[in-house]
Amino acid sequence: MSGRPFAFMCPPMEHHVYFWLNEGRQNESDRAAFEKGIEALLRSPNIASSHWGKPAATAERPVTDHSFHYAISVKFDSMESHDLYQEGDLIHDEFISGFKDWWAKVLVMDVG
């Protein structure tokens, strides 16, 4: 070990969103459409990097929640990029207007 502290540079803002789909949308066709919608959303030019997925097949533990259907993890280079994404990003607005009736619950957790 070099004795130098470990340094990890990460973007100043991470936006994590968890989706629970309505019961009527939990079919193969609607899931495929929702996944295409997520992929389109993550092409926003305001996003530095992103990832989406379903609950990981990790062990059941009291602190682990596997109840959501989909999640996205979005990283922004600045708070300004995040704010532009939230207010006036047409790709983000289209995703919300196209799918807001599809989910029973959405949970957002932002990390700065």
PDB file of N, CA and C in Angstrom:
ATOM      1  N   MET A   1       0.841  -1.176   0.000  1.00  0.00           N
ATOM      2  CA  MET A   1       0.000   0.000   0.000  1.00  0.00           C
ATOM      3  C   MET A   1       0.885   1.239   0.000  1.00  0.00           C
ATOM      4  N   SER A   2       0.507   2.232  -0.788  1.00  0.00           N
ATOM      5  CA  SER A   2       1.353   3.401  -0.973  1.00  0.00           C
ATOM      6  C   SER A   2       1.306   4.393   0.182  1.00  0.00           C
ATOM      7  N   GLY A   3       0.312   4.309   1.037  1.00  0.00           N
ATOM      8  CA  GLY A   3       0.186   5.270   2.126  1.00  0.00           C
ATOM      9  C   GLY A   3      -0.603   6.500   1.731  1.00  0.00           C
ATOM     10  N   ARG A   4      -0.891   6.659   0.431  1.00  0.00           N
ATOM     11  CA  ARG A   4      -1.707   7.785  -0.014  1.00  0.00           C
ATOM     12  C   ARG A   4      -3.178   7.433   0.157  1.00  0.00           C
ATOM     13  N   PRO A   5      -3.994   8.403   0.496  1.00  0.00           N
ATOM     14  CA  PRO A   5      -5.425   8.110   0.646  1.00  0.00           C
ATOM     15  C   PRO A   5      -6.046   7.788  -0.708  1.00  0.00           C
ATOM     16  N   PHE A   6      -7.000   6.907  -0.678  1.00  0.00           N
ATOM     17  CA  PHE A   6      -7.733   6.538  -1.886  1.00  0.00           C
ATOM     18  C   PHE A   6      -8.598   7.715  -2.315  1.00  0.00           C
ATOM     19  N   ALA A   7      -8.525   8.078  -3.567  1.00  0.00           N
ATOM     20  CA  ALA A   7      -9.341   9.187  -4.083  1.00  0.00           C
ATOM     21  C   ALA A   7     -10.219   8.658  -5.203  1.00  0.00           C
ATOM     22  N   PHE A   8     -11.481   8.956  -5.127  1.00  0.00           N
ATOM     23  CA  PHE A   8     -12.427   8.556  -6.158  1.00  0.00           C
ATOM     24  C   PHE A   8     -13.202   9.793  -6.566  1.00  0.00           C
ATOM     25  N   MET A   9     -13.110  10.164  -7.816  1.00  0.00           N
ATOM     26  CA  MET A   9     -13.810  11.340  -8.307  1.00  0.00           C
ATOM     27  C   MET A   9     -15.154  10.906  -8.882  1.00  0.00           C
ATOM     28  N   CYS A  10     -16.198  11.481  -8.396  1.00  0.00           N
ATOM     29  CA  CYS A  10     -17.508  11.165  -8.944  1.00  0.00           C
ATOM     30  C   CYS A  10     -18.237  12.471  -9.241  1.00  0.00           C
ATOM     31  N   PRO A  11     -19.198  12.395 -10.166  1.00  0.00           N
ATOM     32  CA  PRO A  11     -19.959  13.604 -10.472  1.00  0.00           C
ATOM     33  C   PRO A  11     -20.638  14.146  -9.221  1.00  0.00           C
ATOM     34  N   PRO A  12     -20.874  15.451  -9.190  1.00  0.00           N
ATOM     35  CA  PRO A  12     -21.426  16.065  -7.990  1.00  0.00           C
ATOM     36  C   PRO A  12     -22.885  15.713  -7.702  1.00  0.00           C
ATOM     37  N   MET A  13     -23.564  15.058  -8.633  1.00  0.00           N
ATOM     38  CA  MET A  13     -24.990  14.800  -8.412  1.00  0.00           C
ATOM     39  C   MET A  13     -25.373  13.452  -9.002  1.00  0.00           C
ATOM     40  N   GLU A  14     -26.033  12.615  -8.197  1.00  0.00           N
ATOM     41  CA  GLU A  14     -26.587  11.344  -8.664  1.00  0.00           C
ATOM     42  C   GLU A  14     -28.076  11.350  -8.367  1.00  0.00           C
ATOM     43  N   HIS A  15     -28.841  10.844  -9.316  1.00  0.00           N
ATOM     44  CA  HIS A  15     -30.302  10.845  -9.254  1.00  0.00           C
ATOM     45  C   HIS A  15     -30.741   9.392  -9.436  1.00  0.00           C
ATOM     46  N   HIS A  16     -31.337   8.820  -8.387  1.00  0.00           N
ATOM     47  CA  HIS A  16     -31.780   7.431  -8.416  1.00  0.00           C
ATOM     48  C   HIS A  16     -33.305   7.412  -8.358  1.00  0.00           C
ATOM     49  N   VAL A  17     -33.915   6.695  -9.301  1.00  0.00           N
ATOM     50  CA  VAL A  17     -35.377   6.650  -9.374  1.00  0.00           C
ATOM     51  C   VAL A  17     -35.821   5.193  -9.420  1.00  0.00           C
ATOM     52  N   TYR A  18     -36.775   4.858  -8.555  1.00  0.00           N
ATOM     53  CA  TYR A  18     -37.320   3.501  -8.468  1.00  0.00           C
ATOM     54  C   TYR A  18     -38.777   3.537  -8.895  1.00  0.00           C
ATOM     55  N   PHE A  19     -39.176   2.586  -9.743  1.00  0.00           N
ATOM     56  CA  PHE A  19     -40.527   2.533 -10.293  1.00  0.00           C
ATOM     57  C   PHE A  19     -41.223   1.240  -9.897  1.00  0.00           C
ATOM     58  N   TRP A  20     -42.463   1.365  -9.456  1.00  0.00           N
ATOM     59  CA  TRP A  20     -43.357   0.235  -9.245  1.00  0.00           C
ATOM     60  C   TRP A  20     -44.474   0.391 -10.268  1.00  0.00           C
ATOM     61  N   LEU A  21     -44.601  -0.536 -11.186  1.00  0.00           N
ATOM     62  CA  LEU A  21     -45.607  -0.448 -12.234  1.00  0.00           C
ATOM     63  C   LEU A  21     -46.986  -0.835 -11.702  1.00  0.00           C
ATOM     64  N   ASN A  22     -48.010  -0.225 -12.297  1.00  0.00           N
ATOM     65  CA  ASN A  22     -49.379  -0.628 -11.989  1.00  0.00           C
ATOM     66  C   ASN A  22     -49.566  -2.093 -12.361  1.00  0.00           C
ATOM     67  N   GLU A  23     -50.449  -2.759 -11.661  1.00  0.00           N
ATOM     68  CA  GLU A  23     -50.676  -4.182 -11.892  1.00  0.00           C
ATOM     69  C   GLU A  23     -51.014  -4.478 -13.355  1.00  0.00           C
ATOM     70  N   GLY A  24     -51.808  -3.636 -13.978  1.00  0.00           N
ATOM     71  CA  GLY A  24     -52.200  -3.844 -15.368  1.00  0.00           C
ATOM     72  C   GLY A  24     -51.068  -3.652 -16.373  1.00  0.00           C
ATOM     73  N   ARG A  25     -49.934  -3.116 -15.943  1.00  0.00           N
ATOM     74  CA  ARG A  25     -48.780  -2.871 -16.822  1.00  0.00           C
ATOM     75  C   ARG A  25     -47.660  -3.882 -16.605  1.00  0.00           C
ATOM     76  N   GLN A  26     -47.909  -4.896 -15.799  1.00  0.00           N
ATOM     77  CA  GLN A  26     -46.876  -5.873 -15.495  1.00  0.00           C
ATOM     78  C   GLN A  26     -46.964  -7.075 -16.437  1.00  0.00           C
ATOM     79  N   ASN A  27     -46.997  -6.787 -17.720  1.00  0.00           N
ATOM     80  CA  ASN A  27     -47.020  -7.842 -18.732  1.00  0.00           C
ATOM     81  C   ASN A  27     -45.834  -7.648 -19.663  1.00  0.00           C
ATOM     82  N   GLU A  28     -45.527  -8.655 -20.438  1.00  0.00           N
ATOM     83  CA  GLU A  28     -44.324  -8.630 -21.282  1.00  0.00           C
ATOM     84  C   GLU A  28     -44.315  -7.472 -22.277  1.00  0.00           C
ATOM     85  N   SER A  29     -45.426  -7.210 -22.905  1.00  0.00           N
ATOM     86  CA  SER A  29     -45.504  -6.137 -23.911  1.00  0.00           C
ATOM     87  C   SER A  29     -45.285  -4.761 -23.284  1.00  0.00           C
ATOM     88  N   ASP A  30     -45.968  -4.483 -22.175  1.00  0.00           N
ATOM     89  CA  ASP A  30     -45.819  -3.186 -21.519  1.00  0.00           C
ATOM     90  C   ASP A  30     -44.431  -3.024 -20.913  1.00  0.00           C
ATOM     91  N   ARG A  31     -43.882  -4.096 -20.366  1.00  0.00           N
ATOM     92  CA  ARG A  31     -42.521  -4.012 -19.821  1.00  0.00           C
ATOM     93  C   ARG A  31     -41.519  -3.674 -20.930  1.00  0.00           C
ATOM     94  N   ALA A  32     -41.683  -4.284 -22.094  1.00  0.00           N
ATOM     95  CA  ALA A  32     -40.789  -3.987 -23.221  1.00  0.00           C
ATOM     96  C   ALA A  32     -40.922  -2.522 -23.635  1.00  0.00           C
ATOM     97  N   ALA A  33     -42.147  -2.006 -23.670  1.00  0.00           N
ATOM     98  CA  ALA A  33     -42.362  -0.597 -24.024  1.00  0.00           C
ATOM     99  C   ALA A  33     -41.758   0.328 -22.971  1.00  0.00           C
ATOM    100  N   PHE A  34     -41.904  -0.024 -21.695  1.00  0.00           N
ATOM    101  CA  PHE A  34     -41.336   0.799 -20.622  1.00  0.00           C
ATOM    102  C   PHE A  34     -39.812   0.802 -20.707  1.00  0.00           C
ATOM    103  N   GLU A  35     -39.221  -0.334 -20.991  1.00  0.00           N
ATOM    104  CA  GLU A  35     -37.766  -0.418 -21.132  1.00  0.00           C
ATOM    105  C   GLU A  35     -37.274   0.437 -22.295  1.00  0.00           C
ATOM    106  N   LYS A  36     -38.008   0.450 -23.402  1.00  0.00           N
ATOM    107  CA  LYS A  36     -37.643   1.330 -24.530  1.00  0.00           C
ATOM    108  C   LYS A  36     -37.760   2.795 -24.111  1.00  0.00           C
ATOM    109  N   GLY A  37     -38.770   3.097 -23.323  1.00  0.00           N
ATOM    110  CA  GLY A  37     -38.933   4.457 -22.820  1.00  0.00           C
ATOM    111  C   GLY A  37     -37.777   4.873 -21.927  1.00  0.00           C
ATOM    112  N   ILE A  38     -37.332   3.973 -21.060  1.00  0.00           N
ATOM    113  CA  ILE A  38     -36.185   4.268 -20.202  1.00  0.00           C
ATOM    114  C   ILE A  38     -34.942   4.511 -21.051  1.00  0.00           C
ATOM    115  N   GLU A  39     -34.724   3.652 -22.041  1.00  0.00           N
ATOM    116  CA  GLU A  39     -33.546   3.813 -22.898  1.00  0.00           C
ATOM    117  C   GLU A  39     -33.570   5.154 -23.621  1.00  0.00           C
ATOM    118  N   ALA A  40     -34.739   5.589 -24.072  1.00  0.00           N
ATOM    119  CA  ALA A  40     -34.866   6.903 -24.724  1.00  0.00           C
ATOM    120  C   ALA A  40     -34.591   8.024 -23.713  1.00  0.00           C
ATOM    121  N   LEU A  41     -35.130   7.889 -22.507  1.00  0.00           N
ATOM    122  CA  LEU A  41     -34.922   8.891 -21.458  1.00  0.00           C
ATOM    123  C   LEU A  41     -33.439   9.092 -21.173  1.00  0.00           C
ATOM    124  N   LEU A  42     -32.702   8.019 -21.103  1.00  0.00           N
ATOM    125  CA  LEU A  42     -31.295   8.110 -20.710  1.00  0.00           C
ATOM    126  C   LEU A  42     -30.395   8.642 -21.827  1.00  0.00           C
ATOM    127  N   ARG A  43     -30.976   9.008 -22.952  1.00  0.00           N
ATOM    128  CA  ARG A  43     -30.228   9.669 -24.027  1.00  0.00           C
ATOM    129  C   ARG A  43     -30.226  11.193 -23.875  1.00  0.00           C
ATOM    130  N   SER A  44     -30.817  11.693 -22.806  1.00  0.00           N
ATOM    131  CA  SER A  44     -30.839  13.130 -22.576  1.00  0.00           C
ATOM    132  C   SER A  44     -29.417  13.684 -22.605  1.00  0.00           C
ATOM    133  N   PRO A  45     -29.199  14.794 -23.302  1.00  0.00           N
ATOM    134  CA  PRO A  45     -27.857  15.385 -23.338  1.00  0.00           C
ATOM    135  C   PRO A  45     -27.412  15.976 -21.995  1.00  0.00           C
ATOM    136  N   ASN A  46     -28.323  16.111 -21.060  1.00  0.00           N
ATOM    137  CA  ASN A  46     -27.969  16.644 -19.741  1.00  0.00           C
ATOM    138  C   ASN A  46     -27.339  15.595 -18.832  1.00  0.00           C
ATOM    139  N   ILE A  47     -27.444  14.320 -19.209  1.00  0.00           N
ATOM    140  CA  ILE A  47     -26.956  13.211 -18.383  1.00  0.00           C
ATOM    141  C   ILE A  47     -25.499  12.915 -18.716  1.00  0.00           C
ATOM    142  N   ALA A  48     -24.650  12.807 -17.687  1.00  0.00           N
ATOM    143  CA  ALA A  48     -23.242  12.454 -17.882  1.00  0.00           C
ATOM    144  C   ALA A  48     -23.080  10.952 -18.082  1.00  0.00           C
ATOM    145  N   SER A  49     -23.771  10.158 -17.262  1.00  0.00           N
ATOM    146  CA  SER A  49     -23.759   8.701 -17.402  1.00  0.00           C
ATOM    147  C   SER A  49     -24.998   8.149 -16.719  1.00  0.00           C
ATOM    148  N   SER A  50     -25.339   6.914 -17.080  1.00  0.00           N
ATOM    149  CA  SER A  50     -26.561   6.342 -16.520  1.00  0.00           C
ATOM    150  C   SER A  50     -26.538   4.826 -16.588  1.00  0.00           C
ATOM    151  N   HIS A  51     -27.465   4.247 -15.857  1.00  0.00           N
ATOM    152  CA  HIS A  51     -27.655   2.805 -15.833  1.00  0.00           C
ATOM    153  C   HIS A  51     -29.098   2.558 -15.445  1.00  0.00           C
ATOM    154  N   TRP A  52     -29.699   1.515 -15.997  1.00  0.00           N
ATOM    155  CA  TRP A  52     -31.036   1.117 -15.560  1.00  0.00           C
ATOM    156  C   TRP A  52     -31.060  -0.390 -15.375  1.00  0.00           C
ATOM    157  N   GLY A  53     -32.000  -0.849 -14.589  1.00  0.00           N
ATOM    158  CA  GLY A  53     -32.122  -2.271 -14.381  1.00  0.00           C
ATOM    159  C   GLY A  53     -33.324  -2.623 -13.539  1.00  0.00           C
ATOM    160  N   LYS A  54     -33.382  -3.913 -13.222  1.00  0.00           N
ATOM    161  CA  LYS A  54     -34.423  -4.491 -12.374  1.00  0.00           C
ATOM    162  C   LYS A  54     -33.754  -4.881 -11.058  1.00  0.00           C
ATOM    163  N   PRO A  55     -34.530  -5.263 -10.061  1.00  0.00           N
ATOM    164  CA  PRO A  55     -33.899  -5.651  -8.796  1.00  0.00           C
ATOM    165  C   PRO A  55     -32.853  -6.749  -9.018  1.00  0.00           C
ATOM    166  N   ALA A  56     -31.707  -6.569  -8.406  1.00  0.00           N
ATOM    167  CA  ALA A  56     -30.638  -7.559  -8.503  1.00  0.00           C
ATOM    168  C   ALA A  56     -31.013  -8.794  -7.689  1.00  0.00           C
ATOM    169  N   ALA A  57     -30.490  -9.921  -8.099  1.00  0.00           N
ATOM    170  CA  ALA A  57     -30.785 -11.197  -7.428  1.00  0.00           C
ATOM    171  C   ALA A  57     -29.899 -11.377  -6.198  1.00  0.00           C
ATOM    172  N   THR A  58     -29.923 -10.389  -5.316  1.00  0.00           N
ATOM    173  CA  THR A  58     -29.148 -10.468  -4.084  1.00  0.00           C
ATOM    174  C   THR A  58     -29.971 -11.175  -3.003  1.00  0.00           C
ATOM    175  N   ALA A  59     -29.308 -11.618  -1.971  1.00  0.00           N
ATOM    176  CA  ALA A  59     -29.975 -12.330  -0.882  1.00  0.00           C
ATOM    177  C   ALA A  59     -31.000 -11.436  -0.189  1.00  0.00           C
ATOM    178  N   GLU A  60     -32.062 -12.040   0.273  1.00  0.00           N
ATOM    179  CA  GLU A  60     -33.064 -11.320   1.063  1.00  0.00           C
ATOM    180  C   GLU A  60     -32.451 -10.955   2.409  1.00  0.00           C
ATOM    181  N   ARG A  61     -32.530  -9.665   2.746  1.00  0.00           N
ATOM    182  CA  ARG A  61     -32.058  -9.177   4.038  1.00  0.00           C
ATOM    183  C   ARG A  61     -33.038  -8.124   4.511  1.00  0.00           C
ATOM    184  N   PRO A  62     -33.102  -7.857   5.784  1.00  0.00           N
ATOM    185  CA  PRO A  62     -34.052  -6.853   6.287  1.00  0.00           C
ATOM    186  C   PRO A  62     -33.848  -5.458   5.688  1.00  0.00           C
ATOM    187  N   VAL A  63     -32.646  -5.138   5.230  1.00  0.00           N
ATOM    188  CA  VAL A  63     -32.362  -3.799   4.706  1.00  0.00           C
ATOM    189  C   VAL A  63     -32.438  -3.718   3.185  1.00  0.00           C
ATOM    190  N   THR A  64     -32.757  -4.813   2.526  1.00  0.00           N
ATOM    191  CA  THR A  64     -32.785  -4.855   1.063  1.00  0.00           C
ATOM    192  C   THR A  64     -34.224  -4.867   0.566  1.00  0.00           C
ATOM    193  N   ASP A  65     -34.534  -3.974  -0.385  1.00  0.00           N
ATOM    194  CA  ASP A  65     -35.870  -3.877  -0.959  1.00  0.00           C
ATOM    195  C   ASP A  65     -35.817  -4.356  -2.409  1.00  0.00           C
ATOM    196  N   HIS A  66     -36.474  -5.454  -2.688  1.00  0.00           N
ATOM    197  CA  HIS A  66     -36.557  -5.990  -4.051  1.00  0.00           C
ATOM    198  C   HIS A  66     -37.945  -5.764  -4.654  1.00  0.00           C
ATOM    199  N   SER A  67     -38.755  -4.933  -4.045  1.00  0.00           N
ATOM    200  CA  SER A  67     -40.157  -4.817  -4.454  1.00  0.00           C
ATOM    201  C   SER A  67     -40.383  -3.956  -5.698  1.00  0.00           C
ATOM    202  N   PHE A  68     -39.425  -3.138  -6.077  1.00  0.00           N
ATOM    203  CA  PHE A  68     -39.604  -2.277  -7.249  1.00  0.00           C
ATOM    204  C   PHE A  68     -39.461  -3.100  -8.531  1.00  0.00           C
ATOM    205  N   HIS A  69     -39.962  -2.561  -9.632  1.00  0.00           N
ATOM    206  CA  HIS A  69     -39.872  -3.262 -10.916  1.00  0.00           C
ATOM    207  C   HIS A  69     -38.676  -2.791 -11.747  1.00  0.00           C
ATOM    208  N   TYR A  70     -38.406  -1.486 -11.724  1.00  0.00           N
ATOM    209  CA  TYR A  70     -37.294  -0.902 -12.486  1.00  0.00           C
ATOM    210  C   TYR A  70     -36.650   0.209 -11.668  1.00  0.00           C
ATOM    211  N   ALA A  71     -35.378   0.468 -11.976  1.00  0.00           N
ATOM    212  CA  ALA A  71     -34.680   1.588 -11.354  1.00  0.00           C
ATOM    213  C   ALA A  71     -33.729   2.191 -12.374  1.00  0.00           C
ATOM    214  N   ILE A  72     -33.527   3.495 -12.258  1.00  0.00           N
ATOM    215  CA  ILE A  72     -32.509   4.166 -13.060  1.00  0.00           C
ATOM    216  C   ILE A  72     -31.557   4.877 -12.112  1.00  0.00           C
ATOM    217  N   SER A  73     -30.303   4.934 -12.521  1.00  0.00           N
ATOM    218  CA  SER A  73     -29.279   5.670 -11.796  1.00  0.00           C
ATOM    219  C   SER A  73     -28.650   6.619 -12.800  1.00  0.00           C
ATOM    220  N   VAL A  74     -28.785   7.907 -12.539  1.00  0.00           N
ATOM    221  CA  VAL A  74     -28.336   8.932 -13.471  1.00  0.00           C
ATOM    222  C   VAL A  74     -27.306   9.806 -12.769  1.00  0.00           C
ATOM    223  N   LYS A  75     -26.212  10.065 -13.449  1.00  0.00           N
ATOM    224  CA  LYS A  75     -25.184  10.953 -12.904  1.00  0.00           C
ATOM    225  C   LYS A  75     -25.116  12.218 -13.756  1.00  0.00           C
ATOM    226  N   PHE A  76     -24.997  13.340 -13.061  1.00  0.00           N
ATOM    227  CA  PHE A  76     -24.895  14.647 -13.703  1.00  0.00           C
ATOM    228  C   PHE A  76     -23.550  15.264 -13.369  1.00  0.00           C
ATOM    229  N   ASP A  77     -22.991  16.008 -14.314  1.00  0.00           N
ATOM    230  CA  ASP A  77     -21.715  16.690 -14.099  1.00  0.00           C
ATOM    231  C   ASP A  77     -21.847  17.873 -13.153  1.00  0.00           C
ATOM    232  N   SER A  78     -23.066  18.398 -13.028  1.00  0.00           N
ATOM    233  CA  SER A  78     -23.274  19.570 -12.176  1.00  0.00           C
ATOM    234  C   SER A  78     -24.726  19.609 -11.727  1.00  0.00           C
ATOM    235  N   MET A  79     -24.976  20.383 -10.705  1.00  0.00           N
ATOM    236  CA  MET A  79     -26.352  20.591 -10.269  1.00  0.00           C
ATOM    237  C   MET A  79     -27.138  21.312 -11.361  1.00  0.00           C
ATOM    238  N   GLU A  80     -26.456  22.171 -12.100  1.00  0.00           N
ATOM    239  CA  GLU A  80     -27.119  22.872 -13.205  1.00  0.00           C
ATOM    240  C   GLU A  80     -27.631  21.883 -14.253  1.00  0.00           C
ATOM    241  N   SER A  81     -26.841  20.872 -14.580  1.00  0.00           N
ATOM    242  CA  SER A  81     -27.280  19.846 -15.535  1.00  0.00           C
ATOM    243  C   SER A  81     -28.506  19.110 -15.005  1.00  0.00           C
ATOM    244  N   HIS A  82     -28.494  18.810 -13.718  1.00  0.00           N
ATOM    245  CA  HIS A  82     -29.657  18.169 -13.098  1.00  0.00           C
ATOM    246  C   HIS A  82     -30.883  19.063 -13.219  1.00  0.00           C
ATOM    247  N   ASP A  83     -30.710  20.352 -12.908  1.00  0.00           N
ATOM    248  CA  ASP A  83     -31.835  21.281 -12.957  1.00  0.00           C
ATOM    249  C   ASP A  83     -32.381  21.422 -14.379  1.00  0.00           C
ATOM    250  N   LEU A  84     -31.504  21.434 -15.368  1.00  0.00           N
ATOM    251  CA  LEU A  84     -31.946  21.493 -16.766  1.00  0.00           C
ATOM    252  C   LEU A  84     -32.720  20.234 -17.143  1.00  0.00           C
ATOM    253  N   TYR A  85     -32.291  19.094 -16.637  1.00  0.00           N
ATOM    254  CA  TYR A  85     -32.975  17.821 -16.863  1.00  0.00           C
ATOM    255  C   TYR A  85     -34.378  17.856 -16.251  1.00  0.00           C
ATOM    256  N   GLN A  86     -34.495  18.417 -15.070  1.00  0.00           N
ATOM    257  CA  GLN A  86     -35.777  18.455 -14.373  1.00  0.00           C
ATOM    258  C   GLN A  86     -36.743  19.490 -14.956  1.00  0.00           C
ATOM    259  N   GLU A  87     -36.212  20.587 -15.468  1.00  0.00           N
ATOM    260  CA  GLU A  87     -37.055  21.690 -15.942  1.00  0.00           C
ATOM    261  C   GLU A  87     -36.725  22.025 -17.389  1.00  0.00           C
ATOM    262  N   GLY A  88     -37.516  21.527 -18.308  1.00  0.00           N
ATOM    263  CA  GLY A  88     -37.357  21.913 -19.697  1.00  0.00           C
ATOM    264  C   GLY A  88     -36.636  20.918 -20.585  1.00  0.00           C
ATOM    265  N   ASP A  89     -36.225  19.779 -20.063  1.00  0.00           N
ATOM    266  CA  ASP A  89     -35.609  18.743 -20.896  1.00  0.00           C
ATOM    267  C   ASP A  89     -36.737  17.994 -21.594  1.00  0.00           C
ATOM    268  N   LEU A  90     -36.843  18.152 -22.906  1.00  0.00           N
ATOM    269  CA  LEU A  90     -37.953  17.560 -23.656  1.00  0.00           C
ATOM    270  C   LEU A  90     -37.971  16.040 -23.563  1.00  0.00           C
ATOM    271  N   ILE A  91     -36.803  15.412 -23.526  1.00  0.00           N
ATOM    272  CA  ILE A  91     -36.738  13.952 -23.424  1.00  0.00           C
ATOM    273  C   ILE A  91     -37.309  13.500 -22.077  1.00  0.00           C
ATOM    274  N   HIS A  92     -36.924  14.178 -21.018  1.00  0.00           N
ATOM    275  CA  HIS A  92     -37.441  13.867 -19.676  1.00  0.00           C
ATOM    276  C   HIS A  92     -38.945  14.125 -19.618  1.00  0.00           C
ATOM    277  N   ASP A  93     -39.376  15.254 -20.155  1.00  0.00           N
ATOM    278  CA  ASP A  93     -40.804  15.591 -20.160  1.00  0.00           C
ATOM    279  C   ASP A  93     -41.620  14.564 -20.932  1.00  0.00           C
ATOM    280  N   GLU A  94     -41.110  14.096 -22.074  1.00  0.00           N
ATOM    281  CA  GLU A  94     -41.812  13.090 -22.877  1.00  0.00           C
ATOM    282  C   GLU A  94     -41.926  11.769 -22.120  1.00  0.00           C
ATOM    283  N   PHE A  95     -40.874  11.381 -21.428  1.00  0.00           N
ATOM    284  CA  PHE A  95     -40.925  10.144 -20.655  1.00  0.00           C
ATOM    285  C   PHE A  95     -42.009  10.234 -19.585  1.00  0.00           C
ATOM    286  N   ILE A  96     -42.012  11.328 -18.841  1.00  0.00           N
ATOM    287  CA  ILE A  96     -43.006  11.479 -17.777  1.00  0.00           C
ATOM    288  C   ILE A  96     -44.422  11.495 -18.346  1.00  0.00           C
ATOM    289  N   SER A  97     -44.654  12.289 -19.384  1.00  0.00           N
ATOM    290  CA  SER A  97     -46.015  12.372 -19.922  1.00  0.00           C
ATOM    291  C   SER A  97     -46.458  11.051 -20.550  1.00  0.00           C
ATOM    292  N   GLY A  98     -45.523  10.314 -21.110  1.00  0.00           N
ATOM    293  CA  GLY A  98     -45.868   9.047 -21.741  1.00  0.00           C
ATOM    294  C   GLY A  98     -46.094   7.902 -20.772  1.00  0.00           C
ATOM    295  N   PHE A  99     -45.480   7.963 -19.590  1.00  0.00           N
ATOM    296  CA  PHE A  99     -45.533   6.818 -18.677  1.00  0.00           C
ATOM    297  C   PHE A  99     -46.074   7.116 -17.282  1.00  0.00           C
ATOM    298  N   LYS A 100     -46.405   8.357 -16.973  1.00  0.00           N
ATOM    299  CA  LYS A 100     -46.817   8.682 -15.606  1.00  0.00           C
ATOM    300  C   LYS A 100     -48.040   7.891 -15.141  1.00  0.00           C
ATOM    301  N   ASP A 101     -48.870   7.463 -16.050  1.00  0.00           N
ATOM    302  CA  ASP A 101     -50.034   6.667 -15.671  1.00  0.00           C
ATOM    303  C   ASP A 101     -49.712   5.182 -15.562  1.00  0.00           C
ATOM    304  N   TRP A 102     -48.484   4.808 -15.861  1.00  0.00           N
ATOM    305  CA  TRP A 102     -48.076   3.405 -15.836  1.00  0.00           C
ATOM    306  C   TRP A 102     -47.592   2.966 -14.464  1.00  0.00           C
ATOM    307  N   TRP A 103     -47.169   3.911 -13.622  1.00  0.00           N
ATOM    308  CA  TRP A 103     -46.587   3.483 -12.356  1.00  0.00           C
ATOM    309  C   TRP A 103     -47.522   3.733 -11.186  1.00  0.00           C
ATOM    310  N   ALA A 104     -47.458   2.809 -10.230  1.00  0.00           N
ATOM    311  CA  ALA A 104     -48.219   2.929  -9.000  1.00  0.00           C
ATOM    312  C   ALA A 104     -47.460   3.763  -7.984  1.00  0.00           C
ATOM    313  N   LYS A 105     -46.129   3.743  -8.094  1.00  0.00           N
ATOM    314  CA  LYS A 105     -45.283   4.453  -7.146  1.00  0.00           C
ATOM    315  C   LYS A 105     -43.955   4.776  -7.802  1.00  0.00           C
ATOM    316  N   VAL A 106     -43.421   5.921  -7.455  1.00  0.00           N
ATOM    317  CA  VAL A 106     -42.076   6.328  -7.868  1.00  0.00           C
ATOM    318  C   VAL A 106     -41.367   6.864  -6.629  1.00  0.00           C
ATOM    319  N   LEU A 107     -40.122   6.461  -6.444  1.00  0.00           N
ATOM    320  CA  LEU A 107     -39.332   6.940  -5.331  1.00  0.00           C
ATOM    321  C   LEU A 107     -38.027   7.514  -5.895  1.00  0.00           C
ATOM    322  N   VAL A 108     -37.727   8.750  -5.542  1.00  0.00           N
ATOM    323  CA  VAL A 108     -36.503   9.416  -6.000  1.00  0.00           C
ATOM    324  C   VAL A 108     -35.579   9.626  -4.811  1.00  0.00           C
ATOM    325  N   MET A 109     -34.313   9.277  -5.015  1.00  0.00           N
ATOM    326  CA  MET A 109     -33.284   9.517  -4.006  1.00  0.00           C
ATOM    327  C   MET A 109     -32.115  10.190  -4.706  1.00  0.00           C
ATOM    328  N   ASP A 110     -31.833  11.426  -4.316  1.00  0.00           N
ATOM    329  CA  ASP A 110     -30.747  12.192  -4.904  1.00  0.00           C
ATOM    330  C   ASP A 110     -29.565  12.208  -3.946  1.00  0.00           C
ATOM    331  N   VAL A 111     -28.377  12.063  -4.527  1.00  0.00           N
ATOM    332  CA  VAL A 111     -27.140  12.055  -3.750  1.00  0.00           C
ATOM    333  C   VAL A 111     -26.243  13.147  -4.294  1.00  0.00           C
ATOM    334  N   GLY A 112     -25.736  13.999  -3.433  1.00  0.00           N
ATOM    335  CA  GLY A 112     -24.877  15.084  -3.880  1.00  0.00           C
ATOM    336  C   GLY A 112     -23.522  15.037  -3.229  1.00  0.00           C
TER     337      GLY A 112
END
